[in-house]
Amino acid sequence: MKKKQTQKNNHLKIQIFEIFSMAALMVAIAFAVFGLSKTVSDIDDATISRTPEAILASAGVAEDKNVFLSVAYFDQRADECVDLYDANAGKAVKDRQFEWSECGYYNKGLEQGIVDYQLSDEYLPVAKGGKLMSNRGVTDMTRWFDAVEGKSASYTGNLKMEYQADKAEFAFYQNEFYPLDEVDFSKDDIANSDSHNHLFTMNFAVPFMALLSGNESFEITADDDTFVYVGDKLAIDLGGIHDAMSGRFIINKDGEVYAAVGDQDLAFTGITVNNEDGSIVRIYHADRDSSESVFKVRFTGMNLIVTESKLADREDEGLQIAYDPTDPTYVAPLGESSVVEPDNTKSFIVLATVEGIMVIIFAVLLSLSIRNMVHRKLDIKK
């Protein structure tokens, strides 16, 4: 009788232990599910919180920072200073693209239509010739953004923009912009007699994720030719040899890009972006005379794609635009380039979730082990 009572008590203890283990298991599962759902929720919140007020929220940046653009530069030699205009034909018979002030200028000013609306398959501007102004035509732009023996040489560098968090603004401005003063290729050219390297071209690109907030805008001021493409289509055309001029575009809530040059009213460019696939602003600039060199760019309210970076040849820490200008066909992996800095709360939830799952596994294994041990003892007593 006493033996049966003992067995009954042992079975009761096993049942109590199993109930306790099951309850612990359910609690651990509940914590794990809560932790996982909270983590996913946090990630979703971070994804949709790309607002103009916190433009780099997705990169964990709330304070002012330097943002570095990788730029491809091309030093240009001055063309021969001769009259290449055919009065009978009413056009230039040969390109004279890069010149110095002693040449004398012909119809200096804005000349739209030098390039095609669409970029080439290599993501470079396609020359259309423009209006073939007196003594100057542009029928071949190969030397502009490629090294051509005797005419141009290529260099790479960085353009340091400042990010101002309170304005959600990335900006660069230099009233005297001579990035190639230290290179040797055209140092002895007559165009550079004042110690500045005046004749050069450059191109860079900035990937971005459209917010469609209605507050996204871009502005550029430069002399001379400056062509701004959104994706592979021309948005701002500041072609020609001219004094510093400005162009701008905005993106409305429908993703439509409206642009203007100088005092013009904004007009639809035929370009539309979305907030899913990402897009890219491509900038091509040429300084083609020796009178001045001004360059300014400003991105406002745009979620630029950046990555943490510290280059070997630079002591400044900052952010790097995720784009390689030495390969113009390369488009940054927009969905992978944003860097999310560690969030302690989120990290704790993830850690708690992982530990909860480990506790569950341990509890199940322990429960099975104890149950088997108890059953073995009971079998021995029998």
Protein backbone atom coordinates (compact mmCIF):
# COMPACT_ATOMS: atom_id res chain seq x y z
CA MET A 1 0.00 0.00 0.00
CA LYS A 2 2.84 2.31 0.99
CA LYS A 3 4.65 1.50 -2.29
CA LYS A 4 1.59 2.44 -4.34
CA GLN A 5 1.26 5.69 -2.44
CA THR A 6 4.93 6.47 -3.15
CA GLN A 7 4.47 5.74 -6.86
CA LYS A 8 1.40 7.95 -6.88
CA ASN A 9 3.34 10.77 -5.24
CA ASN A 10 6.17 10.34 -7.76
CA HIS A 11 3.76 10.51 -10.69
CA LEU A 12 2.20 13.62 -9.16
CA LYS A 13 5.64 15.21 -8.86
CA ILE A 14 6.35 14.38 -12.50
CA GLN A 15 3.04 15.90 -13.59
CA ILE A 16 3.71 19.06 -11.56
CA PHE A 17 7.21 19.30 -13.06
CA GLU A 18 5.83 18.78 -16.58
CA ILE A 19 3.18 21.48 -16.02
CA PHE A 20 5.84 23.85 -14.67
CA SER A 21 8.15 23.07 -17.63
CA MET A 22 5.33 23.61 -20.11
CA ALA A 23 4.42 26.92 -18.50
CA ALA A 24 8.09 28.03 -18.59
CA LEU A 25 8.28 26.92 -22.19
CA MET A 26 5.19 28.96 -23.15
CA VAL A 27 6.52 32.04 -21.32
CA ALA A 28 9.88 31.72 -23.12
CA ILE A 29 8.14 31.34 -26.47
CA ALA A 30 5.97 34.38 -25.75
CA PHE A 31 9.06 36.47 -24.92
CA ALA A 32 10.81 35.21 -28.05
CA VAL A 33 7.85 36.01 -30.31
CA PHE A 34 7.48 39.45 -28.71
CA GLY A 35 11.17 40.15 -29.14
CA LEU A 36 11.18 39.11 -32.78
CA SER A 37 8.05 41.09 -33.63
CA LYS A 38 9.41 44.15 -31.82
CA THR A 39 12.69 43.88 -33.76
CA VAL A 40 10.86 43.62 -37.08
CA SER A 41 8.68 46.56 -36.07
CA ASP A 42 11.75 48.65 -35.24
CA ILE A 43 13.32 47.82 -38.59
CA ASP A 44 10.10 48.76 -40.40
CA ASP A 45 9.96 52.04 -38.48
CA ALA A 46 13.58 52.82 -39.45
CA THR A 47 12.78 52.08 -43.08
CA ILE A 48 9.84 54.49 -43.26
CA SER A 49 11.39 57.24 -41.14
CA ARG A 50 13.38 58.79 -43.99
CA THR A 51 12.03 62.29 -43.56
CA PRO A 52 13.59 65.66 -44.43
CA GLU A 53 13.90 66.39 -40.71
CA ALA A 54 16.12 63.32 -40.21
CA ILE A 55 17.52 62.77 -43.66
CA LEU A 56 20.21 60.33 -42.60
CA ALA A 57 18.13 58.47 -40.04
CA SER A 58 18.67 55.29 -42.04
CA ALA A 59 22.42 55.75 -41.57
CA GLY A 60 22.12 56.63 -37.90
CA VAL A 61 23.44 60.17 -38.48
CA ALA A 62 21.75 63.05 -36.69
CA GLU A 63 24.66 65.49 -36.35
CA ASP A 64 26.59 67.54 -38.88
CA LYS A 65 29.12 65.48 -40.81
CA ASN A 66 31.43 65.64 -43.78
CA VAL A 67 30.25 63.67 -46.79
CA PHE A 68 32.82 62.79 -49.43
CA LEU A 69 32.05 62.43 -53.12
CA SER A 70 34.38 60.36 -55.27
CA VAL A 71 35.04 62.39 -58.42
CA ALA A 72 36.62 61.59 -61.77
CA TYR A 73 38.59 64.58 -63.10
CA PHE A 74 40.01 65.08 -66.59
CA ASP A 75 42.68 67.70 -67.18
CA GLN A 76 42.27 69.29 -70.61
CA ARG A 77 44.84 70.93 -72.88
CA ALA A 78 43.85 74.14 -74.63
CA ASP A 79 42.85 73.86 -78.27
CA GLU A 80 44.61 75.79 -81.00
CA CYS A 81 43.54 79.42 -81.10
CA VAL A 82 42.56 79.74 -84.74
CA ASP A 83 39.42 80.77 -86.60
CA LEU A 84 37.58 77.55 -87.43
CA TYR A 85 34.29 79.13 -88.47
CA ASP A 86 33.05 78.67 -92.05
CA ALA A 87 31.06 81.81 -92.88
CA ASN A 88 29.63 80.30 -96.06
CA ALA A 89 28.41 77.17 -94.30
CA GLY A 90 27.31 79.22 -91.29
CA LYS A 91 28.85 76.85 -88.76
CA ALA A 92 32.04 75.72 -87.10
CA VAL A 93 33.93 73.25 -89.25
CA LYS A 94 36.07 71.91 -86.44
CA ASP A 95 35.68 71.66 -82.68
CA ARG A 96 37.38 74.33 -80.61
CA GLN A 97 36.27 73.31 -77.15
CA PHE A 98 38.88 74.39 -74.57
CA GLU A 99 40.47 77.83 -74.89
CA TRP A 100 42.03 80.74 -73.04
CA SER A 101 40.94 84.35 -72.74
CA GLU A 102 43.40 85.69 -75.34
CA CYS A 103 41.56 83.68 -78.02
CA GLY A 104 38.60 86.05 -77.85
CA TYR A 105 35.15 84.64 -77.18
CA TYR A 106 32.33 84.14 -79.65
CA ASN A 107 28.74 84.32 -78.44
CA LYS A 108 29.68 83.58 -74.85
CA GLY A 109 26.59 82.46 -72.99
CA LEU A 110 24.18 79.64 -72.27
CA GLU A 111 24.02 77.10 -75.11
CA GLN A 112 21.44 74.42 -74.47
CA GLY A 113 21.16 71.41 -76.74
CA ILE A 114 24.84 70.46 -76.83
CA VAL A 115 24.01 67.03 -75.38
CA ASP A 116 21.24 64.51 -75.91
CA TYR A 117 18.36 64.06 -73.47
CA GLN A 118 19.41 60.44 -72.91
CA LEU A 119 22.79 59.24 -71.65
CA SER A 120 24.71 56.66 -73.68
CA ASP A 121 24.87 52.98 -72.71
CA GLU A 122 28.10 53.87 -70.89
CA TYR A 123 26.23 56.52 -68.85
CA LEU A 124 28.05 59.41 -70.56
CA PRO A 125 26.60 62.48 -72.33
CA VAL A 126 26.10 62.18 -76.08
CA ALA A 127 27.21 65.22 -78.11
CA LYS A 128 24.61 66.74 -80.43
CA GLY A 129 26.68 69.72 -81.54
CA GLY A 130 24.46 72.35 -79.98
CA LYS A 131 23.84 75.36 -82.20
CA LEU A 132 27.44 75.14 -83.49
CA MET A 133 28.14 78.68 -82.42
CA SER A 134 30.71 80.77 -84.23
CA ASN A 135 34.16 79.25 -83.94
CA ARG A 136 32.98 76.61 -81.50
CA GLY A 137 31.19 73.35 -82.08
CA VAL A 138 30.84 70.22 -79.95
CA THR A 139 30.41 67.18 -82.13
CA ASP A 140 32.59 64.76 -80.15
CA MET A 141 32.86 64.71 -76.35
CA THR A 142 35.23 61.74 -76.04
CA ARG A 143 38.00 63.77 -74.45
CA TRP A 144 35.63 65.34 -71.93
CA PHE A 145 35.19 62.23 -69.79
CA ASP A 146 37.95 59.94 -71.02
CA ALA A 147 41.73 60.20 -71.33
CA VAL A 148 42.78 61.00 -74.91
CA GLU A 149 46.49 61.08 -75.70
CA GLY A 150 47.75 64.63 -76.09
CA LYS A 151 44.41 66.19 -75.17
CA SER A 152 43.27 64.97 -71.75
CA ALA A 153 44.48 63.03 -68.71
CA SER A 154 42.41 61.42 -65.95
CA TYR A 155 42.67 61.84 -62.18
CA THR A 156 40.52 60.83 -59.23
CA GLY A 157 39.75 62.78 -56.10
CA ASN A 158 37.21 63.64 -53.42
CA LEU A 159 34.79 66.52 -53.13
CA LYS A 160 33.97 67.27 -49.49
CA MET A 161 30.37 68.29 -48.90
CA GLU A 162 29.06 69.44 -45.55
CA TYR A 163 25.91 67.87 -44.14
CA GLN A 164 23.83 70.19 -41.94
CA ALA A 165 21.32 68.17 -39.98
CA ASP A 166 19.02 71.08 -39.06
CA LYS A 167 18.52 71.91 -42.76
CA ALA A 168 18.74 68.33 -44.03
CA GLU A 169 21.21 69.76 -46.52
CA PHE A 170 24.35 68.55 -48.26
CA ALA A 171 26.33 71.39 -49.82
CA PHE A 172 29.64 72.24 -51.49
CA TYR A 173 30.69 75.72 -52.64
CA GLN A 174 33.92 77.23 -53.91
CA ASN A 175 34.11 80.60 -55.60
CA GLU A 176 37.54 79.68 -56.96
CA PHE A 177 37.32 76.02 -57.87
CA TYR A 178 40.60 74.67 -59.27
CA PRO A 179 40.86 71.01 -58.21
CA LEU A 180 43.74 70.18 -60.59
CA ASP A 181 46.20 72.95 -59.75
CA GLU A 182 48.76 70.39 -58.56
CA VAL A 183 48.81 68.09 -61.61
CA ASP A 184 51.44 68.32 -64.35
CA PHE A 185 49.62 67.37 -67.54
CA SER A 186 48.77 70.90 -68.71
CA LYS A 187 50.76 72.98 -66.24
CA ASP A 188 52.68 74.82 -69.00
CA ASP A 189 49.63 75.57 -71.16
CA ILE A 190 49.14 79.25 -71.97
CA ALA A 191 45.65 78.99 -70.47
CA ASN A 192 47.23 78.41 -67.05
CA SER A 193 49.52 81.43 -67.02
CA ASP A 194 48.05 82.71 -63.73
CA SER A 195 49.15 79.50 -61.92
CA HIS A 196 45.63 78.04 -61.94
CA ASN A 197 44.70 74.98 -63.99
CA HIS A 198 41.64 76.38 -65.74
CA LEU A 199 40.67 73.75 -68.28
CA PHE A 200 39.22 70.54 -66.87
CA THR A 201 36.13 68.36 -66.74
CA MET A 202 34.67 66.25 -63.98
CA ASN A 203 31.86 63.84 -63.31
CA PHE A 204 30.35 62.23 -60.25
CA ALA A 205 27.04 60.72 -59.22
CA VAL A 206 24.94 60.57 -56.06
CA PRO A 207 22.50 57.71 -55.47
CA PHE A 208 19.38 58.54 -53.48
CA MET A 209 16.12 57.04 -52.27
CA ALA A 210 13.19 59.28 -53.11
CA LEU A 211 11.09 60.34 -50.13
CA LEU A 212 8.27 61.85 -52.19
CA SER A 213 7.81 64.40 -49.41
CA GLY A 214 7.44 67.33 -51.78
CA ASN A 215 10.45 68.97 -50.09
CA GLU A 216 13.27 67.37 -52.09
CA SER A 217 15.36 69.74 -54.17
CA PHE A 218 18.72 70.12 -55.88
CA GLU A 219 20.59 73.24 -56.96
CA ILE A 220 23.81 73.74 -58.90
CA THR A 221 25.79 76.88 -59.82
CA ALA A 222 28.75 76.67 -62.18
CA ASP A 223 30.65 77.92 -65.17
CA ASP A 224 30.89 76.56 -67.77
CA ASP A 225 28.97 73.57 -69.19
CA THR A 226 27.08 71.61 -66.54
CA PHE A 227 24.67 68.79 -67.32
CA VAL A 228 22.62 67.15 -64.56
CA TYR A 229 20.84 63.87 -65.21
CA VAL A 230 18.36 62.10 -62.96
CA GLY A 231 18.75 58.43 -63.74
CA ASP A 232 19.83 58.56 -67.39
CA LYS A 233 17.71 61.54 -68.49
CA LEU A 234 18.70 65.21 -68.68
CA ALA A 235 17.11 67.39 -65.99
CA ILE A 236 19.31 70.53 -66.02
CA ASP A 237 21.07 71.83 -69.14
CA LEU A 238 23.64 74.58 -68.43
CA GLY A 239 25.66 74.01 -71.59
CA GLY A 240 28.02 76.49 -73.21
CA ILE A 241 30.92 78.72 -72.16
CA HIS A 242 29.35 81.22 -69.78
CA ASP A 243 29.68 83.01 -66.47
CA ALA A 244 28.41 81.30 -63.34
CA MET A 245 24.77 80.27 -63.83
CA SER A 246 22.35 78.29 -61.69
CA GLY A 247 19.93 75.47 -62.32
CA ARG A 248 17.64 73.56 -59.99
CA PHE A 249 15.11 70.78 -59.80
CA ILE A 250 12.49 69.64 -57.32
CA ILE A 251 10.74 66.30 -56.85
CA ASN A 252 7.03 66.54 -56.09
CA LYS A 253 4.94 64.07 -54.09
CA ASP A 254 4.18 62.09 -57.25
CA GLY A 255 7.88 61.64 -57.97
CA GLU A 256 7.82 64.03 -60.94
CA VAL A 257 11.01 66.03 -61.50
CA TYR A 258 10.52 69.73 -62.34
CA ALA A 259 13.56 71.78 -63.35
CA ALA A 260 14.56 75.32 -64.31
CA VAL A 261 17.64 77.28 -65.38
CA GLY A 262 18.32 80.84 -64.26
CA ASP A 263 15.08 82.78 -63.74
CA GLN A 264 12.94 80.31 -65.69
CA ASP A 265 9.83 78.81 -64.12
CA LEU A 266 9.98 75.17 -63.12
CA ALA A 267 8.82 72.81 -65.88
CA PHE A 268 8.27 69.05 -66.00
CA THR A 269 11.35 67.26 -67.35
CA GLY A 270 9.60 64.04 -68.33
CA ILE A 271 11.44 62.27 -65.50
CA THR A 272 9.62 60.40 -62.73
CA VAL A 273 11.21 58.61 -59.77
CA ASN A 274 9.72 56.25 -57.19
CA ASN A 275 10.48 55.51 -53.56
CA GLU A 276 11.11 51.80 -54.03
CA ASP A 277 13.92 51.22 -56.53
CA GLY A 278 16.10 54.26 -55.84
CA SER A 279 17.59 56.62 -58.40
CA ILE A 280 20.77 58.59 -59.03
CA VAL A 281 21.81 62.17 -59.79
CA ARG A 282 24.66 62.27 -62.33
CA ILE A 283 26.62 65.50 -62.74
CA TYR A 284 28.94 66.32 -65.65
CA HIS A 285 30.84 69.61 -65.59
CA ALA A 286 33.41 71.32 -67.81
CA ASP A 287 35.49 74.42 -67.18
CA ARG A 288 36.32 75.42 -70.76
CA ASP A 289 37.84 78.88 -70.46
CA SER A 290 40.41 80.68 -68.32
CA SER A 291 38.38 83.52 -66.85
CA GLU A 292 36.90 82.01 -63.67
CA SER A 293 35.79 78.78 -62.07
CA VAL A 294 32.82 78.60 -59.69
CA PHE A 295 31.19 75.40 -58.50
CA LYS A 296 28.35 74.86 -56.04
CA VAL A 297 26.01 71.94 -55.43
CA ARG A 298 23.29 71.61 -52.82
CA PHE A 299 21.00 68.68 -52.04
CA THR A 300 18.13 69.56 -49.72
CA GLY A 301 15.69 67.10 -48.13
CA MET A 302 17.04 64.19 -50.20
CA ASN A 303 17.95 60.83 -48.68
CA LEU A 304 21.38 60.30 -50.22
CA ILE A 305 22.86 56.81 -50.14
CA VAL A 306 26.02 56.86 -48.05
CA THR A 307 28.37 54.38 -46.46
CA GLU A 308 30.79 54.75 -43.53
CA SER A 309 34.29 55.36 -44.82
CA LYS A 310 37.80 56.35 -43.78
CA LEU A 311 40.09 56.51 -46.77
CA ALA A 312 43.77 55.65 -46.40
CA ASP A 313 44.92 58.98 -47.86
CA ARG A 314 42.65 61.09 -45.67
CA GLU A 315 42.62 61.75 -41.94
CA ASP A 316 39.07 63.09 -41.83
CA GLU A 317 36.41 60.65 -40.83
CA GLY A 318 33.08 61.00 -42.56
CA LEU A 319 30.57 59.45 -44.88
CA GLN A 320 31.22 58.38 -48.44
CA ILE A 321 28.72 58.57 -51.28
CA ALA A 322 28.29 55.02 -52.54
CA TYR A 323 29.36 55.46 -56.14
CA ASP A 324 32.41 54.65 -58.26
CA PRO A 325 33.03 57.43 -60.83
CA THR A 326 35.89 55.56 -62.50
CA ASP A 327 33.34 53.07 -63.81
CA PRO A 328 30.45 55.15 -65.21
CA THR A 329 28.37 52.03 -65.88
CA TYR A 330 28.42 51.15 -62.19
CA VAL A 331 25.32 51.92 -60.19
CA ALA A 332 25.58 51.59 -56.43
CA PRO A 333 23.52 48.77 -54.88
CA LEU A 334 20.91 51.17 -53.59
CA GLY A 335 19.20 48.69 -51.32
CA GLU A 336 22.46 47.70 -49.64
CA SER A 337 24.46 50.90 -49.37
CA SER A 338 22.75 52.62 -46.45
CA VAL A 339 24.57 51.92 -43.21
CA VAL A 340 22.45 51.44 -40.09
CA GLU A 341 24.49 52.24 -37.00
CA PRO A 342 23.86 49.96 -33.98
CA ASP A 343 20.69 50.73 -32.02
CA ASN A 344 21.16 49.64 -28.39
CA THR A 345 17.46 49.01 -27.78
CA LYS A 346 17.13 46.96 -30.93
CA SER A 347 20.35 45.09 -30.16
CA PHE A 348 19.03 44.25 -26.68
CA ILE A 349 15.79 42.89 -28.14
CA VAL A 350 17.68 40.75 -30.62
CA LEU A 351 19.97 39.49 -27.87
CA ALA A 352 17.02 38.75 -25.57
CA THR A 353 15.29 36.90 -28.39
CA VAL A 354 18.32 34.72 -29.09
CA GLU A 355 18.81 34.03 -25.38
CA GLY A 356 15.09 33.23 -25.01
CA ILE A 357 15.31 30.65 -27.78
CA MET A 358 18.38 29.12 -26.13
CA VAL A 359 16.52 28.97 -22.80
CA ILE A 360 13.62 27.20 -24.52
CA ILE A 361 15.92 24.59 -26.01
CA PHE A 362 17.70 24.10 -22.67
CA ALA A 363 14.39 23.80 -20.75
CA VAL A 364 13.03 21.20 -23.18
CA LEU A 365 16.21 19.14 -23.03
CA LEU A 366 16.37 19.40 -19.22
CA SER A 367 12.73 18.41 -18.91
CA LEU A 368 13.20 15.34 -21.07
CA SER A 369 16.36 14.39 -19.20
CA ILE A 370 14.76 14.65 -15.74
CA ARG A 371 11.66 12.80 -16.87
CA ASN A 372 13.73 9.93 -18.23
CA MET A 373 15.79 9.84 -15.03
CA VAL A 374 12.68 9.72 -12.83
CA HIS A 375 11.14 7.00 -14.94
CA ARG A 376 14.33 4.94 -14.67
CA LYS A 377 14.33 5.26 -10.86
CA LEU A 378 10.69 4.19 -10.72
CA ASP A 379 11.39 1.22 -12.93
CA ILE A 380 14.29 0.20 -10.65
CA LYS A 381 12.08 0.42 -7.55
CA LYS A 382 9.51 -1.74 -9.25
